[in-house]
Amino acid sequence: MLKIVQGAGGPVMVKEVGAELGIDPAVPGRLEPLRGKLSKLADRGWLHKLPNGTFTIRL
């Protein structure tokens, strides 16, 4: 997940990370566990969560 966010070169949405991981974003509820994992990484300082819900690499 970290490599996907880092390779994006800018803020990414959860559904973009999910698509890279092979998760179908059209299926309801499939992205919520991923959103939780990305939020945990942000809480631990590995990622930065922007107010609009996108994620970037912590600088």
N, C-alpha and C. Protein backbone atom coordinates (compact mmCIF):
# COMPACT_ATOMS: atom_id res chain seq x y z
N MET A 1 0.82 -1.19 0.00
CA MET A 1 0.00 0.00 0.00
C MET A 1 0.87 1.25 0.00
N LEU A 2 1.93 1.21 0.79
CA LEU A 2 2.81 2.37 0.85
C LEU A 2 3.46 2.64 -0.51
N LYS A 3 3.88 1.59 -1.20
CA LYS A 3 4.50 1.77 -2.51
C LYS A 3 3.51 2.33 -3.53
N ILE A 4 2.26 1.94 -3.43
CA ILE A 4 1.24 2.46 -4.35
C ILE A 4 1.05 3.95 -4.12
N VAL A 5 0.93 4.36 -2.87
CA VAL A 5 0.74 5.78 -2.55
C VAL A 5 1.99 6.57 -2.96
N GLN A 6 3.16 6.03 -2.68
CA GLN A 6 4.40 6.71 -3.02
C GLN A 6 4.56 6.83 -4.53
N GLY A 7 4.22 5.80 -5.26
CA GLY A 7 4.36 5.80 -6.71
C GLY A 7 3.37 6.69 -7.43
N ALA A 8 2.31 7.09 -6.74
CA ALA A 8 1.29 7.91 -7.38
C ALA A 8 1.79 9.32 -7.65
N GLY A 9 2.70 9.82 -6.85
CA GLY A 9 3.23 11.15 -7.07
C GLY A 9 2.33 12.27 -6.60
N GLY A 10 1.29 11.94 -5.89
CA GLY A 10 0.36 12.94 -5.37
C GLY A 10 -0.71 12.26 -4.55
N PRO A 11 -1.69 13.03 -4.10
CA PRO A 11 -2.76 12.45 -3.29
C PRO A 11 -3.54 11.37 -4.05
N VAL A 12 -3.84 10.28 -3.37
CA VAL A 12 -4.61 9.20 -3.98
C VAL A 12 -5.85 8.90 -3.14
N MET A 13 -6.88 8.48 -3.83
CA MET A 13 -8.12 8.09 -3.17
C MET A 13 -8.04 6.61 -2.82
N VAL A 14 -8.85 6.20 -1.87
CA VAL A 14 -8.86 4.80 -1.44
C VAL A 14 -9.21 3.89 -2.61
N LYS A 15 -10.14 4.30 -3.46
CA LYS A 15 -10.53 3.44 -4.56
C LYS A 15 -9.40 3.26 -5.58
N GLU A 16 -8.51 4.23 -5.69
CA GLU A 16 -7.36 4.08 -6.58
C GLU A 16 -6.38 3.05 -6.03
N VAL A 17 -6.15 3.09 -4.72
CA VAL A 17 -5.28 2.09 -4.09
C VAL A 17 -5.92 0.71 -4.22
N GLY A 18 -7.21 0.64 -3.99
CA GLY A 18 -7.92 -0.63 -4.11
C GLY A 18 -7.85 -1.21 -5.51
N ALA A 19 -7.97 -0.35 -6.51
CA ALA A 19 -7.89 -0.83 -7.89
C ALA A 19 -6.50 -1.41 -8.18
N GLU A 20 -5.45 -0.80 -7.65
CA GLU A 20 -4.09 -1.31 -7.83
C GLU A 20 -3.89 -2.66 -7.13
N LEU A 21 -4.61 -2.86 -6.04
CA LEU A 21 -4.52 -4.11 -5.30
C LEU A 21 -5.45 -5.19 -5.84
N GLY A 22 -6.26 -4.83 -6.83
CA GLY A 22 -7.17 -5.80 -7.43
C GLY A 22 -8.52 -5.90 -6.75
N ILE A 23 -8.85 -4.91 -5.92
CA ILE A 23 -10.15 -4.89 -5.24
C ILE A 23 -11.14 -4.14 -6.13
N ASP A 24 -12.29 -4.76 -6.37
CA ASP A 24 -13.31 -4.14 -7.22
C ASP A 24 -13.99 -3.02 -6.44
N PRO A 25 -13.79 -1.75 -6.85
CA PRO A 25 -14.37 -0.63 -6.11
C PRO A 25 -15.89 -0.51 -6.28
N ALA A 26 -16.46 -1.24 -7.23
CA ALA A 26 -17.90 -1.16 -7.46
C ALA A 26 -18.69 -1.97 -6.44
N VAL A 27 -18.04 -2.91 -5.76
CA VAL A 27 -18.72 -3.75 -4.78
C VAL A 27 -18.79 -3.00 -3.46
N PRO A 28 -20.01 -2.74 -2.96
CA PRO A 28 -20.14 -1.98 -1.71
C PRO A 28 -19.45 -2.67 -0.54
N GLY A 29 -18.75 -1.90 0.26
CA GLY A 29 -18.12 -2.42 1.46
C GLY A 29 -16.75 -3.02 1.27
N ARG A 30 -16.30 -3.19 0.05
CA ARG A 30 -15.00 -3.81 -0.19
C ARG A 30 -13.84 -2.86 0.14
N LEU A 31 -14.10 -1.55 0.05
CA LEU A 31 -13.02 -0.58 0.28
C LEU A 31 -12.91 -0.14 1.74
N GLU A 32 -13.92 -0.41 2.55
CA GLU A 32 -13.89 0.06 3.94
C GLU A 32 -12.74 -0.54 4.76
N PRO A 33 -12.45 -1.83 4.63
CA PRO A 33 -11.28 -2.35 5.36
C PRO A 33 -9.97 -1.70 4.90
N LEU A 34 -9.87 -1.43 3.61
CA LEU A 34 -8.68 -0.76 3.08
C LEU A 34 -8.59 0.67 3.60
N ARG A 35 -9.71 1.36 3.67
CA ARG A 35 -9.74 2.72 4.22
C ARG A 35 -9.25 2.71 5.67
N GLY A 36 -9.66 1.70 6.43
CA GLY A 36 -9.23 1.57 7.81
C GLY A 36 -7.73 1.33 7.93
N LYS A 37 -7.19 0.49 7.05
CA LYS A 37 -5.75 0.22 7.08
C LYS A 37 -4.95 1.46 6.71
N LEU A 38 -5.42 2.20 5.70
CA LEU A 38 -4.72 3.42 5.31
C LEU A 38 -4.81 4.47 6.42
N SER A 39 -5.93 4.53 7.09
CA SER A 39 -6.09 5.48 8.20
C SER A 39 -5.16 5.11 9.36
N LYS A 40 -5.01 3.81 9.63
CA LYS A 40 -4.09 3.38 10.68
C LYS A 40 -2.65 3.77 10.34
N LEU A 41 -2.29 3.61 9.06
CA LEU A 41 -0.95 4.02 8.64
C LEU A 41 -0.77 5.52 8.81
N ALA A 42 -1.82 6.28 8.58
CA ALA A 42 -1.75 7.73 8.78
C ALA A 42 -1.64 8.07 10.26
N ASP A 43 -2.37 7.34 11.10
CA ASP A 43 -2.30 7.58 12.54
C ASP A 43 -0.90 7.27 13.09
N ARG A 44 -0.24 6.31 12.48
CA ARG A 44 1.10 5.91 12.94
C ARG A 44 2.21 6.76 12.32
N GLY A 45 1.84 7.67 11.41
CA GLY A 45 2.83 8.58 10.84
C GLY A 45 3.46 8.13 9.54
N TRP A 46 3.01 7.02 8.97
CA TRP A 46 3.57 6.53 7.72
C TRP A 46 2.98 7.27 6.53
N LEU A 47 1.70 7.63 6.62
CA LEU A 47 1.01 8.37 5.57
C LEU A 47 0.45 9.65 6.16
N HIS A 48 0.00 10.52 5.28
CA HIS A 48 -0.67 11.75 5.69
C HIS A 48 -2.07 11.72 5.08
N LYS A 49 -3.09 11.86 5.91
CA LYS A 49 -4.47 11.88 5.43
C LYS A 49 -4.91 13.33 5.30
N LEU A 50 -5.30 13.69 4.10
CA LEU A 50 -5.75 15.05 3.83
C LEU A 50 -7.22 15.21 4.20
N PRO A 51 -7.68 16.45 4.43
CA PRO A 51 -9.07 16.67 4.83
C PRO A 51 -10.10 16.14 3.83
N ASN A 52 -9.73 16.05 2.56
CA ASN A 52 -10.69 15.56 1.56
C ASN A 52 -10.72 14.03 1.48
N GLY A 53 -9.97 13.34 2.37
CA GLY A 53 -10.02 11.88 2.42
C GLY A 53 -8.98 11.18 1.58
N THR A 54 -8.12 11.92 0.91
CA THR A 54 -7.06 11.30 0.13
C THR A 54 -5.82 11.13 1.00
N PHE A 55 -4.90 10.31 0.53
CA PHE A 55 -3.69 9.99 1.27
C PHE A 55 -2.45 10.33 0.47
N THR A 56 -1.42 10.79 1.16
CA THR A 56 -0.12 11.05 0.56
C THR A 56 0.96 10.48 1.46
N ILE A 57 2.17 10.41 0.93
CA ILE A 57 3.32 9.97 1.73
C ILE A 57 3.68 11.09 2.68
N ARG A 58 4.00 10.75 3.89
CA ARG A 58 4.42 11.73 4.90
C ARG A 58 5.79 12.26 4.48
N LEU A 59 5.92 13.57 4.45
CA LEU A 59 7.21 14.18 4.06
C LEU A 59 8.05 14.49 5.24
